[in-house]
C-alpha atoms as a PDB file:
ATOM      1  CA  MET A   1     -14.238 -28.128   8.958  1.00  0.00           C
ATOM      2  CA  GLU A   2     -11.901 -29.481   6.307  1.00  0.00           C
ATOM      3  CA  THR A   3     -14.602 -28.940   3.675  1.00  0.00           C
ATOM      4  CA  LYS A   4     -14.829 -25.206   4.506  1.00  0.00           C
ATOM      5  CA  TRP A   5     -11.051 -24.854   4.190  1.00  0.00           C
ATOM      6  CA  LYS A   6     -11.103 -26.569   0.783  1.00  0.00           C
ATOM      7  CA  ARG A   7     -13.973 -24.354  -0.358  1.00  0.00           C
ATOM      8  CA  ALA A   8     -12.117 -21.294   0.929  1.00  0.00           C
ATOM      9  CA  ARG A   9      -9.030 -22.301  -1.058  1.00  0.00           C
ATOM     10  CA  TRP A  10     -11.158 -22.715  -4.184  1.00  0.00           C
ATOM     11  CA  LEU A  11     -12.733 -19.268  -3.651  1.00  0.00           C
ATOM     12  CA  ARG A  12      -9.293 -17.674  -3.202  1.00  0.00           C
ATOM     13  CA  ASN A  13      -8.366 -19.037  -6.622  1.00  0.00           C
ATOM     14  CA  ALA A  14     -11.546 -17.695  -8.266  1.00  0.00           C
ATOM     15  CA  PRO A  15     -12.075 -14.158  -6.908  1.00  0.00           C
ATOM     16  CA  THR A  16     -14.663 -11.754  -8.226  1.00  0.00           C
ATOM     17  CA  ASP A  17     -13.440  -8.546  -9.858  1.00  0.00           C
ATOM     18  CA  ALA A  18     -14.297  -6.597  -6.698  1.00  0.00           C
ATOM     19  CA  GLU A  19     -12.471  -9.084  -4.452  1.00  0.00           C
ATOM     20  CA  ARG A  20      -9.397  -8.980  -6.670  1.00  0.00           C
ATOM     21  CA  HIS A  21      -9.445  -5.174  -6.685  1.00  0.00           C
ATOM     22  CA  LEU A  22      -9.819  -4.786  -2.912  1.00  0.00           C
ATOM     23  CA  TRP A  23      -7.176  -7.438  -2.231  1.00  0.00           C
ATOM     24  CA  ARG A  24      -4.613  -5.247  -4.010  1.00  0.00           C
ATOM     25  CA  TYR A  25      -4.999  -2.765  -1.159  1.00  0.00           C
ATOM     26  CA  LEU A  26      -5.329  -5.219   1.740  1.00  0.00           C
ATOM     27  CA  ARG A  27      -2.622  -7.783   0.997  1.00  0.00           C
ATOM     28  CA  ARG A  28       0.820  -7.755   2.565  1.00  0.00           C
ATOM     29  CA  GLU A  29      -0.276  -5.380   5.344  1.00  0.00           C
ATOM     30  CA  ARG A  30      -0.598  -2.493   2.876  1.00  0.00           C
ATOM     31  CA  LEU A  31      -3.510  -0.901   4.719  1.00  0.00           C
ATOM     32  CA  ALA A  32      -1.780   0.874   7.624  1.00  0.00           C
ATOM     33  CA  GLY A  33       0.003  -2.337   8.627  1.00  0.00           C
ATOM     34  CA  TRP A  34      -3.172  -4.362   9.268  1.00  0.00           C
ATOM     35  CA  LYS A  35      -2.952  -8.034   8.271  1.00  0.00           C
ATOM     36  CA  PHE A  36      -5.903  -9.408   6.302  1.00  0.00           C
ATOM     37  CA  ARG A  37      -6.792 -12.890   5.154  1.00  0.00           C
ATOM     38  CA  ARG A  38      -9.176 -13.628   2.323  1.00  0.00           C
ATOM     39  CA  GLN A  39     -11.853 -16.310   2.061  1.00  0.00           C
ATOM     40  CA  TYR A  40     -11.445 -17.266   5.710  1.00  0.00           C
ATOM     41  CA  PRO A  41     -13.827 -19.674   7.496  1.00  0.00           C
ATOM     42  CA  ILE A  42     -15.603 -18.206  10.542  1.00  0.00           C
ATOM     43  CA  ALA A  43     -18.710 -19.517  12.314  1.00  0.00           C
ATOM     44  CA  GLY A  44     -19.483 -22.016   9.555  1.00  0.00           C
ATOM     45  CA  PHE A  45     -19.282 -19.352   6.822  1.00  0.00           C
ATOM     46  CA  ILE A  46     -16.476 -18.184   4.579  1.00  0.00           C
ATOM     47  CA  ALA A  47     -15.799 -14.483   5.088  1.00  0.00           C
ATOM     48  CA  ASP A  48     -14.551 -12.549   2.066  1.00  0.00           C
ATOM     49  CA  PHE A  49     -11.841 -10.775   4.086  1.00  0.00           C
ATOM     50  CA  VAL A  50     -10.932 -10.852   7.758  1.00  0.00           C
ATOM     51  CA  CYS A  51      -8.524  -8.900   9.892  1.00  0.00           C
ATOM     52  CA  VAL A  52      -8.091 -11.174  12.903  1.00  0.00           C
ATOM     53  CA  PRO A  53      -6.101  -8.676  15.016  1.00  0.00           C
ATOM     54  CA  GLY A  54      -8.731  -5.993  14.348  1.00  0.00           C
ATOM     55  CA  ALA A  55     -11.650  -8.433  14.740  1.00  0.00           C
ATOM     56  CA  LEU A  56     -13.139  -7.118  11.493  1.00  0.00           C
ATOM     57  CA  VAL A  57     -14.813  -8.982   8.645  1.00  0.00           C
ATOM     58  CA  ILE A  58     -15.331  -7.325   5.260  1.00  0.00           C
ATOM     59  CA  GLU A  59     -18.086  -8.737   3.081  1.00  0.00           C
ATOM     60  CA  LEU A  60     -18.528  -7.713  -0.551  1.00  0.00           C
ATOM     61  CA  ASP A  61     -22.033  -7.897  -1.931  1.00  0.00           C
ATOM     62  CA  GLY A  62     -23.153  -8.138  -5.533  1.00  0.00           C
ATOM     63  CA  GLY A  63     -26.650  -7.984  -6.967  1.00  0.00           C
ATOM     64  CA  GLN A  64     -27.493 -11.485  -5.724  1.00  0.00           C
ATOM     65  CA  HIS A  65     -27.511 -10.112  -2.164  1.00  0.00           C
ATOM     66  CA  LEU A  66     -30.587  -7.981  -2.843  1.00  0.00           C
ATOM     67  CA  ASP A  67     -32.697 -11.108  -2.389  1.00  0.00           C
ATOM     68  CA  ALA A  68     -30.581 -12.568   0.429  1.00  0.00           C
ATOM     69  CA  SER A  69     -31.011 -10.016   3.212  1.00  0.00           C
ATOM     70  CA  ALA A  70     -32.364 -12.579   5.704  1.00  0.00           C
ATOM     71  CA  TYR A  71     -29.481 -14.964   4.991  1.00  0.00           C
ATOM     72  CA  ASP A  72     -26.930 -12.133   5.175  1.00  0.00           C
ATOM     73  CA  GLY A  73     -28.434 -10.901   8.452  1.00  0.00           C
ATOM     74  CA  ASN A  74     -28.159 -14.354  10.005  1.00  0.00           C
ATOM     75  CA  ARG A  75     -24.627 -14.745   8.681  1.00  0.00           C
ATOM     76  CA  THR A  76     -23.655 -11.377  10.189  1.00  0.00           C
ATOM     77  CA  ARG A  77     -25.151 -12.307  13.591  1.00  0.00           C
ATOM     78  CA  MET A  78     -23.288 -15.634  13.630  1.00  0.00           C
ATOM     79  CA  ILE A  79     -19.966 -14.020  12.750  1.00  0.00           C
ATOM     80  CA  GLU A  80     -20.519 -11.248  15.303  1.00  0.00           C
ATOM     81  CA  ALA A  81     -21.200 -13.917  17.936  1.00  0.00           C
ATOM     82  CA  GLU A  82     -17.583 -15.030  17.334  1.00  0.00           C
ATOM     83  CA  GLY A  83     -16.370 -11.558  18.362  1.00  0.00           C
ATOM     84  CA  TYR A  84     -16.003  -9.925  14.952  1.00  0.00           C
ATOM     85  CA  ARG A  85     -17.580  -6.773  13.570  1.00  0.00           C
ATOM     86  CA  VAL A  86     -18.917  -7.113  10.028  1.00  0.00           C
ATOM     87  CA  VAL A  87     -18.859  -4.333   7.464  1.00  0.00           C
ATOM     88  CA  ARG A  88     -20.473  -4.774   4.049  1.00  0.00           C
ATOM     89  CA  PHE A  89     -19.758  -2.999   0.792  1.00  0.00           C
ATOM     90  CA  TRP A  90     -21.346  -3.277  -2.618  1.00  0.00           C
ATOM     91  CA  ASN A  91     -19.064  -4.540  -5.359  1.00  0.00           C
ATOM     92  CA  ASP A  92     -19.662  -1.301  -7.290  1.00  0.00           C
ATOM     93  CA  ASP A  93     -18.388   0.745  -4.335  1.00  0.00           C
ATOM     94  CA  VAL A  94     -15.169  -1.267  -4.263  1.00  0.00           C
ATOM     95  CA  LEU A  95     -14.682  -0.961  -8.006  1.00  0.00           C
ATOM     96  CA  LEU A  96     -15.647   2.720  -8.345  1.00  0.00           C
ATOM     97  CA  ARG A  97     -14.911   4.264  -4.932  1.00  0.00           C
ATOM     98  CA  VAL A  98     -12.179   2.141  -3.372  1.00  0.00           C
ATOM     99  CA  ASP A  99     -10.648   5.082  -1.481  1.00  0.00           C
ATOM    100  CA  ALA A 100     -13.919   5.671   0.379  1.00  0.00           C
ATOM    101  CA  VAL A 101     -14.173   1.942   1.124  1.00  0.00           C
ATOM    102  CA  LEU A 102     -10.635   1.868   2.528  1.00  0.00           C
ATOM    103  CA  GLU A 103     -11.321   4.948   4.683  1.00  0.00           C
ATOM    104  CA  GLU A 104     -14.386   3.226   6.117  1.00  0.00           C
ATOM    105  CA  VAL A 105     -12.398   0.052   6.821  1.00  0.00           C
ATOM    106  CA  LEU A 106      -9.757   2.085   8.651  1.00  0.00           C
ATOM    107  CA  ARG A 107     -12.463   3.835  10.721  1.00  0.00           C
ATOM    108  CA  HIS A 108     -13.705   0.434  11.847  1.00  0.00           C
ATOM    109  CA  LEU A 109     -10.201  -0.812  12.610  1.00  0.00           C
ATOM    110  CA  HIS A 110      -9.251   2.284  14.582  1.00  0.00           C
ATOM    111  CA  GLY A 111     -12.495   1.973  16.526  1.00  0.00           C
ATOM    112  CA  HIS A 112     -11.386  -1.524  17.596  1.00  0.00           C
END
């Protein structure tokens, strides 16, 4: 497990543009008081963002995920088996339509 935590720390220090942008809205309980963590190990994977109290994982997908649907599906099933719901957004949606992304996140959290 220690290796996943080290990898998570490294990923937190090297975010993508979309991760950096979304984190501006999620950090310090800015989204309606919900606490998020970034690059958080769950079920042997490192989730981009997680709201533990809301049992919600947010995954951001870039172009490389077009060819990784089987891997992403398995990853989602494993994380969901830990009691989390997983919502995925394309990087472009976060960068160009962040308000819509945040509304969708809140819908999932309020449905908790």
